[in-house]
């Protein structure tokens, strides 16, 4: 049995919400699942994400493969970094951009005064 960590869509029409679940890889998107690991709501700003870190790590250590979107959610909540020991590549790039913009902002303020 190959297990994947993926999203399961819930909610009304045009108002999606998702559950992060561990499910068999051959099953349908909204079909049977093994365990709910968290929630994701993209309709609020900023997007609401919550993951049961302990259970997600348990599944990852036993070979569960996350989908791309689930991996992104795990990285944003910090679970992926604990699993791999290093930050996700897209997070490292975003942090580098934030640091660069902060240093530019601090250099520009003395010139304006």
N, C-alpha and C. Protein backbone atom coordinates (compact mmCIF):
# COMPACT_ATOMS: atom_id res chain seq x y z
N UNK A 1 0.84 -1.17 0.00
CA UNK A 1 0.00 0.00 0.00
C UNK A 1 0.90 1.24 0.00
N UNK A 2 0.80 2.05 -1.04
CA UNK A 2 1.55 3.31 -1.14
C UNK A 2 0.70 4.43 -0.58
N UNK A 3 1.24 5.12 0.41
CA UNK A 3 0.49 6.19 1.07
C UNK A 3 1.02 7.54 0.59
N UNK A 4 0.07 8.44 0.33
CA UNK A 4 0.42 9.81 -0.05
C UNK A 4 -0.23 10.78 0.92
N UNK A 5 0.48 11.87 1.19
CA UNK A 5 -0.10 12.97 1.95
C UNK A 5 -0.57 13.96 0.90
N UNK A 6 -1.87 14.22 0.89
CA UNK A 6 -2.44 15.08 -0.15
C UNK A 6 -3.64 15.84 0.39
N UNK A 7 -4.25 16.63 -0.47
CA UNK A 7 -5.39 17.45 -0.07
C UNK A 7 -6.69 16.77 -0.46
N UNK A 8 -7.68 16.93 0.40
CA UNK A 8 -9.04 16.44 0.14
C UNK A 8 -9.95 17.65 0.18
N UNK A 9 -10.70 17.89 -0.89
CA UNK A 9 -11.52 19.09 -0.98
C UNK A 9 -12.82 18.91 -0.20
N UNK A 10 -13.14 19.94 0.59
CA UNK A 10 -14.41 20.00 1.29
C UNK A 10 -14.97 21.39 1.07
N UNK A 11 -16.16 21.65 1.52
CA UNK A 11 -16.73 22.98 1.37
C UNK A 11 -17.74 23.03 0.25
N UNK A 12 -18.44 24.18 0.19
CA UNK A 12 -19.47 24.34 -0.82
C UNK A 12 -18.88 24.69 -2.19
N UNK A 13 -19.76 24.75 -3.17
CA UNK A 13 -19.36 25.12 -4.51
C UNK A 13 -18.76 26.52 -4.50
N UNK A 14 -17.61 26.69 -5.15
CA UNK A 14 -16.88 27.95 -5.26
C UNK A 14 -16.40 28.49 -3.91
N UNK A 15 -16.42 27.66 -2.88
CA UNK A 15 -15.89 28.04 -1.58
C UNK A 15 -15.05 26.87 -1.04
N UNK A 16 -13.91 26.62 -1.67
CA UNK A 16 -13.14 25.44 -1.30
C UNK A 16 -12.42 25.58 0.03
N UNK A 17 -12.35 24.51 0.74
CA UNK A 17 -11.50 24.32 1.89
C UNK A 17 -10.92 22.92 1.72
N UNK A 18 -9.78 22.69 2.32
CA UNK A 18 -9.12 21.42 2.12
C UNK A 18 -8.70 20.82 3.44
N UNK A 19 -8.66 19.51 3.47
CA UNK A 19 -8.08 18.77 4.58
C UNK A 19 -6.81 18.13 4.07
N UNK A 20 -5.77 18.18 4.86
CA UNK A 20 -4.52 17.48 4.55
C UNK A 20 -4.69 16.08 5.13
N UNK A 21 -4.65 15.07 4.25
CA UNK A 21 -4.92 13.70 4.69
C UNK A 21 -3.82 12.75 4.23
N UNK A 22 -3.73 11.64 4.92
CA UNK A 22 -2.92 10.51 4.48
C UNK A 22 -3.90 9.54 3.83
N UNK A 23 -3.65 9.19 2.57
CA UNK A 23 -4.56 8.32 1.83
C UNK A 23 -3.76 7.41 0.91
N UNK A 24 -4.40 6.34 0.46
CA UNK A 24 -3.77 5.47 -0.53
C UNK A 24 -3.62 6.25 -1.83
N UNK A 25 -2.51 6.06 -2.51
CA UNK A 25 -2.23 6.84 -3.71
C UNK A 25 -3.18 6.51 -4.86
N UNK A 26 -3.74 5.32 -4.89
CA UNK A 26 -4.61 4.91 -5.99
C UNK A 26 -6.04 5.40 -5.82
N UNK A 27 -6.40 5.89 -4.66
CA UNK A 27 -7.78 6.31 -4.39
C UNK A 27 -8.12 7.65 -5.01
N UNK A 28 -9.41 7.96 -5.14
CA UNK A 28 -9.83 9.24 -5.71
C UNK A 28 -9.55 10.39 -4.75
N UNK A 29 -9.55 11.62 -5.27
CA UNK A 29 -9.21 12.81 -4.50
C UNK A 29 -10.05 12.96 -3.24
N UNK A 30 -11.36 12.82 -3.37
CA UNK A 30 -12.25 13.00 -2.24
C UNK A 30 -12.74 11.66 -1.67
N UNK A 31 -12.04 10.60 -2.00
CA UNK A 31 -12.45 9.28 -1.55
C UNK A 31 -11.99 8.97 -0.15
N UNK A 32 -11.91 7.69 0.12
CA UNK A 32 -11.55 7.21 1.45
C UNK A 32 -10.13 7.64 1.81
N UNK A 33 -9.91 7.96 3.06
CA UNK A 33 -8.59 8.35 3.53
C UNK A 33 -8.28 7.60 4.82
N UNK A 34 -7.01 7.61 5.21
CA UNK A 34 -6.59 6.90 6.40
C UNK A 34 -6.70 7.80 7.63
N UNK A 35 -6.20 9.04 7.51
CA UNK A 35 -6.16 9.92 8.67
C UNK A 35 -6.12 11.38 8.23
N UNK A 36 -6.81 12.25 8.95
CA UNK A 36 -6.75 13.69 8.72
C UNK A 36 -5.54 14.24 9.47
N UNK A 37 -4.67 14.96 8.76
CA UNK A 37 -3.46 15.51 9.36
C UNK A 37 -3.55 17.01 9.61
N UNK A 38 -4.46 17.69 8.90
CA UNK A 38 -4.55 19.14 9.08
C UNK A 38 -5.61 19.75 8.19
N UNK A 39 -5.62 21.09 8.17
CA UNK A 39 -6.60 21.85 7.38
C UNK A 39 -5.89 22.95 6.61
N UNK A 40 -6.49 23.36 5.49
CA UNK A 40 -5.97 24.46 4.68
C UNK A 40 -7.16 25.23 4.11
N UNK A 41 -7.19 26.54 4.37
CA UNK A 41 -8.26 27.39 3.85
C UNK A 41 -7.63 28.51 3.04
N UNK A 42 -7.69 28.42 1.70
CA UNK A 42 -7.06 29.44 0.86
C UNK A 42 -7.90 30.71 0.70
N UNK A 43 -9.13 30.73 1.21
CA UNK A 43 -10.02 31.86 0.97
C UNK A 43 -9.87 33.00 1.97
N UNK A 44 -9.07 32.82 3.00
CA UNK A 44 -8.81 33.91 3.94
C UNK A 44 -7.42 34.48 3.65
N UNK A 45 -7.20 35.72 4.07
CA UNK A 45 -5.90 36.33 3.80
C UNK A 45 -5.23 36.67 5.11
N UNK A 46 -4.08 36.15 5.45
CA UNK A 46 -3.32 35.13 4.73
C UNK A 46 -3.97 33.74 4.89
N UNK A 47 -3.61 32.85 4.00
CA UNK A 47 -4.20 31.51 3.99
C UNK A 47 -4.01 30.83 5.34
N UNK A 48 -5.07 30.20 5.82
CA UNK A 48 -5.04 29.51 7.11
C UNK A 48 -4.57 28.07 6.90
N UNK A 49 -3.50 27.69 7.61
CA UNK A 49 -2.97 26.34 7.51
C UNK A 49 -2.70 25.81 8.90
N UNK A 50 -3.06 24.58 9.13
CA UNK A 50 -2.71 23.92 10.39
C UNK A 50 -2.44 22.46 10.09
N UNK A 51 -1.38 21.94 10.70
CA UNK A 51 -0.99 20.54 10.49
C UNK A 51 -0.63 19.94 11.84
N UNK A 52 -1.09 18.73 12.08
CA UNK A 52 -0.68 17.98 13.27
C UNK A 52 0.74 17.49 13.00
N UNK A 53 1.69 18.21 13.55
CA UNK A 53 3.11 17.98 13.26
C UNK A 53 3.55 16.57 13.61
N UNK A 54 3.14 16.09 14.76
CA UNK A 54 3.55 14.77 15.22
C UNK A 54 3.10 13.67 14.26
N UNK A 55 1.84 13.71 13.85
CA UNK A 55 1.31 12.68 12.96
C UNK A 55 1.88 12.80 11.54
N UNK A 56 2.08 14.03 11.07
CA UNK A 56 2.65 14.22 9.74
C UNK A 56 4.06 13.66 9.69
N UNK A 57 4.87 13.93 10.71
CA UNK A 57 6.22 13.38 10.76
C UNK A 57 6.19 11.85 10.85
N UNK A 58 5.22 11.31 11.60
CA UNK A 58 5.10 9.87 11.71
C UNK A 58 4.88 9.24 10.33
N UNK A 59 3.96 9.82 9.54
CA UNK A 59 3.69 9.30 8.21
C UNK A 59 4.88 9.49 7.28
N UNK A 60 5.55 10.63 7.35
CA UNK A 60 6.71 10.87 6.49
C UNK A 60 7.83 9.89 6.79
N UNK A 61 8.07 9.60 8.06
CA UNK A 61 9.12 8.65 8.42
C UNK A 61 8.79 7.23 8.00
N UNK A 62 7.54 6.95 7.75
CA UNK A 62 7.14 5.62 7.30
C UNK A 62 6.98 5.54 5.78
N UNK A 63 7.43 6.57 5.06
CA UNK A 63 7.49 6.50 3.61
C UNK A 63 6.35 7.16 2.86
N UNK A 64 5.48 7.87 3.53
CA UNK A 64 4.40 8.56 2.82
C UNK A 64 4.98 9.69 1.97
N UNK A 65 4.55 9.78 0.72
CA UNK A 65 5.04 10.79 -0.21
C UNK A 65 4.03 11.93 -0.29
N UNK A 66 4.43 13.17 0.03
CA UNK A 66 3.49 14.28 -0.08
C UNK A 66 3.34 14.75 -1.53
N UNK A 67 2.15 15.21 -1.88
CA UNK A 67 1.95 15.83 -3.19
C UNK A 67 2.67 17.18 -3.16
N UNK A 68 2.80 17.83 -4.31
CA UNK A 68 3.51 19.11 -4.37
C UNK A 68 2.85 20.15 -3.48
N UNK A 69 1.52 20.25 -3.53
CA UNK A 69 0.81 21.22 -2.71
C UNK A 69 0.92 20.88 -1.24
N UNK A 70 0.81 19.62 -0.90
CA UNK A 70 0.94 19.20 0.50
C UNK A 70 2.35 19.48 1.01
N UNK A 71 3.36 19.27 0.17
CA UNK A 71 4.74 19.56 0.56
C UNK A 71 4.91 21.05 0.84
N UNK A 72 4.27 21.88 0.03
CA UNK A 72 4.33 23.33 0.22
C UNK A 72 3.70 23.71 1.56
N UNK A 73 2.57 23.11 1.89
CA UNK A 73 1.89 23.39 3.15
C UNK A 73 2.75 22.89 4.32
N UNK A 74 3.34 21.72 4.19
CA UNK A 74 4.21 21.20 5.24
C UNK A 74 5.42 22.10 5.44
N UNK A 75 5.95 22.65 4.36
CA UNK A 75 7.09 23.56 4.46
C UNK A 75 6.70 24.86 5.15
N UNK A 76 5.54 25.39 4.81
CA UNK A 76 5.09 26.65 5.43
C UNK A 76 4.83 26.49 6.93
N UNK A 77 4.39 25.33 7.36
CA UNK A 77 4.11 25.10 8.78
C UNK A 77 5.36 24.63 9.53
N UNK A 78 6.46 24.35 8.84
CA UNK A 78 7.72 23.96 9.48
C UNK A 78 7.93 22.47 9.63
N UNK A 79 6.97 21.66 9.21
CA UNK A 79 7.09 20.21 9.35
C UNK A 79 8.13 19.66 8.38
N UNK A 80 8.17 20.17 7.18
CA UNK A 80 9.10 19.66 6.17
C UNK A 80 10.56 19.90 6.59
N UNK A 81 10.83 21.05 7.20
CA UNK A 81 12.18 21.35 7.66
C UNK A 81 12.61 20.39 8.77
N UNK A 82 11.68 20.05 9.67
CA UNK A 82 12.01 19.09 10.72
C UNK A 82 12.24 17.70 10.15
N UNK A 83 11.54 17.36 9.07
CA UNK A 83 11.69 16.04 8.46
C UNK A 83 13.02 15.93 7.71
N UNK A 84 13.36 16.94 6.91
CA UNK A 84 14.56 16.86 6.08
C UNK A 84 15.79 17.43 6.76
N UNK A 85 15.61 18.32 7.73
CA UNK A 85 16.75 18.94 8.39
C UNK A 85 17.24 20.19 7.70
N UNK A 86 16.60 20.57 6.61
CA UNK A 86 16.98 21.80 5.91
C UNK A 86 15.72 22.47 5.37
N UNK A 87 15.75 23.79 5.17
CA UNK A 87 14.55 24.48 4.69
C UNK A 87 14.24 24.10 3.24
N UNK A 88 12.97 24.25 2.88
CA UNK A 88 12.56 23.99 1.51
C UNK A 88 13.21 25.00 0.57
N UNK A 89 13.54 24.63 -0.66
CA UNK A 89 14.24 25.54 -1.57
C UNK A 89 13.48 26.84 -1.82
N UNK A 90 12.16 26.77 -1.97
CA UNK A 90 11.41 27.99 -2.26
C UNK A 90 11.36 28.89 -1.03
N UNK A 91 11.46 28.35 0.17
CA UNK A 91 11.49 29.17 1.38
C UNK A 91 12.81 29.90 1.49
N UNK A 92 13.91 29.23 1.19
CA UNK A 92 15.22 29.86 1.28
C UNK A 92 15.32 31.03 0.31
N UNK A 93 14.77 30.86 -0.89
CA UNK A 93 14.80 31.94 -1.88
C UNK A 93 13.94 33.12 -1.43
N UNK A 94 12.80 32.85 -0.85
CA UNK A 94 11.92 33.93 -0.36
C UNK A 94 12.57 34.68 0.79
N UNK A 95 13.25 33.97 1.69
CA UNK A 95 13.92 34.63 2.80
C UNK A 95 15.07 35.49 2.30
N UNK A 96 15.78 35.06 1.26
CA UNK A 96 16.87 35.85 0.70
C UNK A 96 16.33 37.15 0.10
N UNK A 97 15.19 37.09 -0.55
CA UNK A 97 14.58 38.30 -1.13
C UNK A 97 14.15 39.25 -0.01
N UNK A 98 13.59 38.72 1.08
CA UNK A 98 13.16 39.56 2.21
C UNK A 98 14.36 40.25 2.84
N UNK A 99 15.47 39.55 3.03
CA UNK A 99 16.66 40.13 3.63
C UNK A 99 17.22 41.22 2.72
N UNK A 100 17.23 40.97 1.41
CA UNK A 100 17.74 41.96 0.47
C UNK A 100 16.88 43.22 0.48
N UNK A 101 15.57 43.07 0.55
CA UNK A 101 14.70 44.24 0.56
C UNK A 101 14.83 45.02 1.86
N UNK A 102 15.08 44.33 2.98
CA UNK A 102 15.27 45.02 4.26
C UNK A 102 16.56 45.82 4.27
N UNK A 103 17.63 45.29 3.70
CA UNK A 103 18.90 46.03 3.68
C UNK A 103 18.82 47.22 2.74
N UNK A 104 18.10 47.07 1.64
CA UNK A 104 17.91 48.20 0.73
C UNK A 104 17.12 49.31 1.40
N UNK A 105 16.10 48.94 2.16
CA UNK A 105 15.25 49.90 2.85
C UNK A 105 16.03 50.67 3.91
N UNK A 106 16.93 50.00 4.63
CA UNK A 106 17.69 50.67 5.67
C UNK A 106 18.76 51.59 5.08
N UNK A 107 19.29 51.25 3.91
CA UNK A 107 20.27 52.11 3.25
C UNK A 107 19.62 53.33 2.65
N UNK A 108 18.36 53.21 2.22
CA UNK A 108 17.68 54.32 1.56
C UNK A 108 17.22 55.37 2.57
N UNK A 109 16.94 55.01 3.80
CA UNK A 109 16.41 55.96 4.77
C UNK A 109 17.41 57.04 5.16
N UNK A 110 18.72 56.77 5.34
CA UNK A 110 19.65 57.87 5.68
C UNK A 110 19.79 58.88 4.55
N UNK A 111 19.67 58.43 3.31
CA UNK A 111 19.80 59.35 2.18
C UNK A 111 18.60 60.28 2.11
N UNK A 112 17.43 59.82 2.51
CA UNK A 112 16.24 60.66 2.44
C UNK A 112 16.27 61.74 3.49
N UNK A 113 16.96 61.52 4.62
CA UNK A 113 16.96 62.47 5.74
C UNK A 113 18.02 63.48 5.59
